[in-house]
Amino acid sequence: MAKKNTEDLTEEVAEAVEEPVEEQAEKPKKKEAPSEAGSQEEKRVTIRIPRSKEDQGDVFVSVNERTFLIKRGVPVSVPESVAEVLATAERMEDEATDYDLAAQKK
């Protein structure tokens, strides 16, 4: 598997940011091999990642060599796998915060 250089990644991010919101979430660069289940398109869901004072930048997600740059504060349509990755990341952040708070109480 060939690694992408910085220029290629910068171009991908720039293209993703310039696209309309509905198309922004996914832009495959190469043809993907059909999965074992066939070439069915993965079900999509609409998500919105909130903005805050601390977090205003776009959110980068990578699932099975597909990359996504998701704009905060705007509803976007993404594959279910991307929504699942984001939900898992949120749960892990909550668990880490709970752990830190428990450690401070000791």
N, C-alpha and C. Protein backbone atom coordinates (compact mmCIF):
# COMPACT_ATOMS: atom_id res chain seq x y z
N MET A 1 0.85 -1.17 0.00
CA MET A 1 0.00 0.00 0.00
C MET A 1 0.90 1.23 0.00
N ALA A 2 0.67 2.11 -0.94
CA ALA A 2 1.47 3.32 -1.05
C ALA A 2 0.97 4.38 -0.08
N LYS A 3 1.89 5.04 0.59
CA LYS A 3 1.51 6.10 1.50
C LYS A 3 1.28 7.38 0.71
N LYS A 4 0.35 8.18 1.17
CA LYS A 4 0.07 9.46 0.52
C LYS A 4 1.03 10.50 1.06
N ASN A 5 1.49 11.36 0.18
CA ASN A 5 2.37 12.42 0.65
C ASN A 5 1.54 13.59 1.15
N THR A 6 2.20 14.52 1.78
CA THR A 6 1.53 15.66 2.39
C THR A 6 0.75 16.48 1.36
N GLU A 7 1.32 16.63 0.18
CA GLU A 7 0.64 17.42 -0.86
C GLU A 7 -0.69 16.78 -1.26
N ASP A 8 -0.72 15.43 -1.40
CA ASP A 8 -1.96 14.74 -1.74
C ASP A 8 -3.01 14.92 -0.65
N LEU A 9 -2.59 14.78 0.62
CA LEU A 9 -3.52 14.93 1.73
C LEU A 9 -4.05 16.35 1.81
N THR A 10 -3.17 17.33 1.60
CA THR A 10 -3.60 18.72 1.63
C THR A 10 -4.63 18.99 0.55
N GLU A 11 -4.41 18.41 -0.61
CA GLU A 11 -5.36 18.58 -1.72
C GLU A 11 -6.71 17.95 -1.38
N GLU A 12 -6.70 16.75 -0.78
CA GLU A 12 -7.94 16.09 -0.39
C GLU A 12 -8.71 16.93 0.63
N VAL A 13 -8.01 17.46 1.62
CA VAL A 13 -8.67 18.27 2.64
C VAL A 13 -9.24 19.53 2.01
N ALA A 14 -8.48 20.17 1.14
CA ALA A 14 -8.96 21.39 0.49
C ALA A 14 -10.20 21.10 -0.34
N GLU A 15 -10.21 19.99 -1.07
CA GLU A 15 -11.37 19.63 -1.88
C GLU A 15 -12.58 19.37 -0.99
N ALA A 16 -12.37 18.69 0.13
CA ALA A 16 -13.49 18.37 1.03
C ALA A 16 -14.09 19.64 1.63
N VAL A 17 -13.25 20.60 1.98
CA VAL A 17 -13.74 21.83 2.60
C VAL A 17 -14.51 22.67 1.59
N GLU A 18 -14.11 22.64 0.32
CA GLU A 18 -14.75 23.47 -0.69
C GLU A 18 -16.06 22.90 -1.20
N GLU A 19 -16.36 21.63 -0.95
CA GLU A 19 -17.58 21.00 -1.46
C GLU A 19 -18.80 21.42 -0.67
N PRO A 20 -19.99 21.33 -1.28
CA PRO A 20 -21.22 21.58 -0.53
C PRO A 20 -21.34 20.60 0.62
N VAL A 21 -22.05 20.99 1.66
CA VAL A 21 -22.17 20.19 2.88
C VAL A 21 -22.68 18.78 2.58
N GLU A 22 -23.67 18.66 1.71
CA GLU A 22 -24.25 17.35 1.45
C GLU A 22 -23.23 16.37 0.87
N GLU A 23 -22.25 16.89 0.14
CA GLU A 23 -21.26 16.03 -0.51
C GLU A 23 -19.93 16.02 0.24
N GLN A 24 -19.82 16.80 1.28
CA GLN A 24 -18.54 17.02 1.94
C GLN A 24 -18.02 15.80 2.67
N ALA A 25 -18.88 14.97 3.20
CA ALA A 25 -18.44 13.93 4.11
C ALA A 25 -17.56 12.88 3.47
N GLU A 26 -17.77 12.54 2.20
CA GLU A 26 -16.99 11.45 1.63
C GLU A 26 -16.60 11.74 0.21
N LYS A 27 -15.34 11.47 -0.12
CA LYS A 27 -14.88 11.62 -1.49
C LYS A 27 -13.80 10.57 -1.73
N PRO A 28 -14.18 9.36 -2.14
CA PRO A 28 -13.18 8.33 -2.38
C PRO A 28 -12.28 8.73 -3.55
N LYS A 29 -10.98 8.48 -3.43
CA LYS A 29 -10.02 8.85 -4.46
C LYS A 29 -9.76 7.72 -5.45
N LYS A 30 -10.07 6.50 -5.05
CA LYS A 30 -9.83 5.38 -5.95
C LYS A 30 -11.02 4.44 -5.89
N LYS A 31 -11.13 3.64 -6.92
CA LYS A 31 -12.22 2.68 -6.97
C LYS A 31 -11.98 1.61 -5.92
N GLU A 32 -13.00 1.34 -5.12
CA GLU A 32 -12.85 0.34 -4.06
C GLU A 32 -13.35 -1.01 -4.56
N ALA A 33 -12.71 -2.05 -4.08
CA ALA A 33 -13.14 -3.39 -4.44
C ALA A 33 -14.48 -3.67 -3.77
N PRO A 34 -15.38 -4.36 -4.48
CA PRO A 34 -16.67 -4.68 -3.86
C PRO A 34 -16.47 -5.56 -2.63
N SER A 35 -17.29 -5.34 -1.62
CA SER A 35 -17.19 -6.15 -0.41
C SER A 35 -17.78 -7.53 -0.66
N GLU A 36 -17.59 -8.42 0.31
CA GLU A 36 -18.12 -9.77 0.18
C GLU A 36 -19.63 -9.77 0.08
N ALA A 37 -20.27 -8.80 0.69
CA ALA A 37 -21.73 -8.73 0.67
C ALA A 37 -22.25 -8.17 -0.64
N GLY A 38 -21.37 -7.78 -1.55
CA GLY A 38 -21.80 -7.19 -2.81
C GLY A 38 -21.37 -5.74 -2.87
N SER A 39 -21.81 -5.06 -3.89
CA SER A 39 -21.40 -3.68 -4.07
C SER A 39 -22.47 -2.71 -3.59
N GLN A 40 -23.21 -3.09 -2.56
CA GLN A 40 -24.24 -2.21 -2.03
C GLN A 40 -23.60 -1.01 -1.35
N GLU A 41 -24.24 0.14 -1.53
CA GLU A 41 -23.78 1.36 -0.85
C GLU A 41 -24.13 1.27 0.63
N GLU A 42 -23.20 1.68 1.49
CA GLU A 42 -23.45 1.66 2.93
C GLU A 42 -24.55 2.67 3.28
N LYS A 43 -25.41 2.29 4.20
CA LYS A 43 -26.48 3.18 4.65
C LYS A 43 -25.88 4.44 5.23
N ARG A 44 -26.50 5.58 4.93
CA ARG A 44 -26.01 6.87 5.40
C ARG A 44 -26.93 7.42 6.48
N VAL A 45 -26.35 8.19 7.38
CA VAL A 45 -27.10 8.85 8.44
C VAL A 45 -26.68 10.31 8.48
N THR A 46 -27.56 11.15 8.97
CA THR A 46 -27.23 12.56 9.11
C THR A 46 -26.80 12.83 10.55
N ILE A 47 -25.65 13.47 10.67
CA ILE A 47 -25.12 13.80 12.00
C ILE A 47 -24.78 15.28 12.03
N ARG A 48 -24.59 15.78 13.23
CA ARG A 48 -24.13 17.16 13.43
C ARG A 48 -23.18 17.14 14.62
N ILE A 49 -21.96 17.57 14.41
CA ILE A 49 -20.98 17.64 15.48
C ILE A 49 -21.01 19.07 16.00
N PRO A 50 -21.32 19.25 17.29
CA PRO A 50 -21.45 20.62 17.83
C PRO A 50 -20.11 21.36 17.88
N ARG A 51 -20.20 22.67 17.78
CA ARG A 51 -19.04 23.53 17.97
C ARG A 51 -19.00 23.97 19.42
N SER A 52 -17.83 24.28 19.90
CA SER A 52 -17.69 24.83 21.25
C SER A 52 -16.53 25.82 21.22
N LYS A 53 -16.31 26.50 22.32
CA LYS A 53 -15.19 27.44 22.38
C LYS A 53 -13.87 26.73 22.17
N GLU A 54 -13.75 25.52 22.72
CA GLU A 54 -12.51 24.76 22.61
C GLU A 54 -12.37 24.04 21.26
N ASP A 55 -13.48 23.57 20.71
CA ASP A 55 -13.45 22.77 19.48
C ASP A 55 -14.26 23.45 18.38
N GLN A 56 -13.56 24.12 17.46
CA GLN A 56 -14.25 24.76 16.35
C GLN A 56 -13.78 24.24 15.00
N GLY A 57 -12.69 23.49 14.99
CA GLY A 57 -12.14 22.98 13.74
C GLY A 57 -12.92 21.79 13.20
N ASP A 58 -12.68 21.47 11.95
CA ASP A 58 -13.32 20.31 11.33
C ASP A 58 -12.80 19.03 11.98
N VAL A 59 -13.58 17.96 11.86
CA VAL A 59 -13.23 16.68 12.48
C VAL A 59 -12.81 15.70 11.38
N PHE A 60 -11.62 15.14 11.52
CA PHE A 60 -11.10 14.16 10.57
C PHE A 60 -11.44 12.77 11.06
N VAL A 61 -12.01 11.92 10.18
CA VAL A 61 -12.32 10.53 10.51
C VAL A 61 -11.82 9.67 9.37
N SER A 62 -11.22 8.53 9.70
CA SER A 62 -10.77 7.58 8.69
C SER A 62 -11.33 6.21 9.03
N VAL A 63 -11.99 5.58 8.05
CA VAL A 63 -12.56 4.24 8.23
C VAL A 63 -12.18 3.41 7.01
N ASN A 64 -11.43 2.35 7.23
CA ASN A 64 -11.04 1.44 6.15
C ASN A 64 -10.47 2.17 4.93
N GLU A 65 -9.48 3.00 5.18
CA GLU A 65 -8.77 3.76 4.15
C GLU A 65 -9.63 4.81 3.45
N ARG A 66 -10.81 5.08 3.95
CA ARG A 66 -11.64 6.17 3.43
C ARG A 66 -11.55 7.29 4.45
N THR A 67 -11.31 8.50 3.97
CA THR A 67 -11.14 9.62 4.88
C THR A 67 -12.29 10.61 4.75
N PHE A 68 -12.61 11.26 5.85
CA PHE A 68 -13.72 12.20 5.92
C PHE A 68 -13.29 13.42 6.71
N LEU A 69 -13.67 14.58 6.26
CA LEU A 69 -13.43 15.81 6.98
C LEU A 69 -14.81 16.43 7.22
N ILE A 70 -15.24 16.42 8.47
CA ILE A 70 -16.61 16.80 8.81
C ILE A 70 -16.61 18.18 9.46
N LYS A 71 -17.38 19.07 8.90
CA LYS A 71 -17.47 20.43 9.41
C LYS A 71 -18.35 20.45 10.65
N ARG A 72 -17.88 21.12 11.69
CA ARG A 72 -18.65 21.24 12.94
C ARG A 72 -19.82 22.21 12.77
N GLY A 73 -20.92 21.91 13.47
CA GLY A 73 -22.06 22.80 13.52
C GLY A 73 -22.97 22.74 12.31
N VAL A 74 -22.71 21.82 11.38
CA VAL A 74 -23.50 21.71 10.15
C VAL A 74 -23.97 20.26 10.00
N PRO A 75 -25.26 20.02 9.72
CA PRO A 75 -25.72 18.65 9.48
C PRO A 75 -25.08 18.09 8.20
N VAL A 76 -24.50 16.89 8.30
CA VAL A 76 -23.90 16.23 7.14
C VAL A 76 -24.35 14.78 7.09
N SER A 77 -24.38 14.25 5.89
CA SER A 77 -24.73 12.85 5.68
C SER A 77 -23.44 12.05 5.58
N VAL A 78 -23.31 11.02 6.43
CA VAL A 78 -22.11 10.19 6.45
C VAL A 78 -22.51 8.71 6.48
N PRO A 79 -21.62 7.81 6.06
CA PRO A 79 -21.91 6.39 6.21
C PRO A 79 -22.07 6.02 7.69
N GLU A 80 -22.86 4.99 7.97
CA GLU A 80 -23.08 4.56 9.36
C GLU A 80 -21.77 4.28 10.09
N SER A 81 -20.78 3.73 9.38
CA SER A 81 -19.52 3.39 10.03
C SER A 81 -18.82 4.64 10.59
N VAL A 82 -18.95 5.76 9.91
CA VAL A 82 -18.35 7.01 10.39
C VAL A 82 -19.07 7.48 11.65
N ALA A 83 -20.39 7.41 11.64
CA ALA A 83 -21.17 7.80 12.82
C ALA A 83 -20.82 6.90 14.01
N GLU A 84 -20.60 5.62 13.73
CA GLU A 84 -20.23 4.68 14.79
C GLU A 84 -18.85 5.01 15.37
N VAL A 85 -17.90 5.34 14.53
CA VAL A 85 -16.56 5.72 15.00
C VAL A 85 -16.64 6.95 15.88
N LEU A 86 -17.43 7.95 15.46
CA LEU A 86 -17.57 9.17 16.26
C LEU A 86 -18.26 8.89 17.59
N ALA A 87 -19.28 8.02 17.60
CA ALA A 87 -19.96 7.67 18.85
C ALA A 87 -19.01 6.94 19.80
N THR A 88 -18.20 6.04 19.26
CA THR A 88 -17.23 5.31 20.08
C THR A 88 -16.20 6.28 20.66
N ALA A 89 -15.73 7.21 19.86
CA ALA A 89 -14.75 8.19 20.34
C ALA A 89 -15.34 9.02 21.48
N GLU A 90 -16.61 9.39 21.35
CA GLU A 90 -17.26 10.17 22.40
C GLU A 90 -17.38 9.36 23.70
N ARG A 91 -17.74 8.08 23.57
CA ARG A 91 -17.83 7.22 24.77
C ARG A 91 -16.47 7.07 25.43
N MET A 92 -15.43 6.90 24.63
CA MET A 92 -14.08 6.72 25.19
C MET A 92 -13.62 8.01 25.89
N GLU A 93 -13.97 9.16 25.33
CA GLU A 93 -13.61 10.43 25.97
C GLU A 93 -14.34 10.58 27.30
N ASP A 94 -15.62 10.17 27.35
CA ASP A 94 -16.38 10.20 28.60
C ASP A 94 -15.75 9.28 29.65
N GLU A 95 -15.35 8.08 29.22
CA GLU A 95 -14.73 7.14 30.16
C GLU A 95 -13.40 7.70 30.69
N ALA A 96 -12.63 8.32 29.83
CA ALA A 96 -11.35 8.89 30.26
C ALA A 96 -11.58 10.03 31.26
N THR A 97 -12.60 10.83 31.00
CA THR A 97 -12.92 11.93 31.93
C THR A 97 -13.36 11.37 33.27
N ASP A 98 -14.21 10.34 33.26
CA ASP A 98 -14.65 9.70 34.51
C ASP A 98 -13.45 9.15 35.29
N TYR A 99 -12.52 8.53 34.59
CA TYR A 99 -11.32 7.97 35.22
C TYR A 99 -10.49 9.09 35.86
N ASP A 100 -10.29 10.16 35.12
CA ASP A 100 -9.51 11.30 35.65
C ASP A 100 -10.18 11.89 36.90
N LEU A 101 -11.49 12.06 36.86
CA LEU A 101 -12.21 12.61 38.00
C LEU A 101 -12.12 11.69 39.22
N ALA A 102 -12.22 10.39 38.98
CA ALA A 102 -12.10 9.42 40.09
C ALA A 102 -10.70 9.45 40.68
N ALA A 103 -9.69 9.59 39.83
CA ALA A 103 -8.31 9.63 40.31
C ALA A 103 -8.04 10.90 41.13
N GLN A 104 -8.69 11.99 40.79
CA GLN A 104 -8.50 13.24 41.52
C GLN A 104 -9.14 13.19 42.91
N LYS A 105 -10.19 12.39 43.06
CA LYS A 105 -10.88 12.28 44.35
C LYS A 105 -10.10 11.46 45.36
N LYS A 106 -9.17 10.63 44.91
CA LYS A 106 -8.42 9.75 45.82
C LYS A 106 -7.40 10.49 46.61
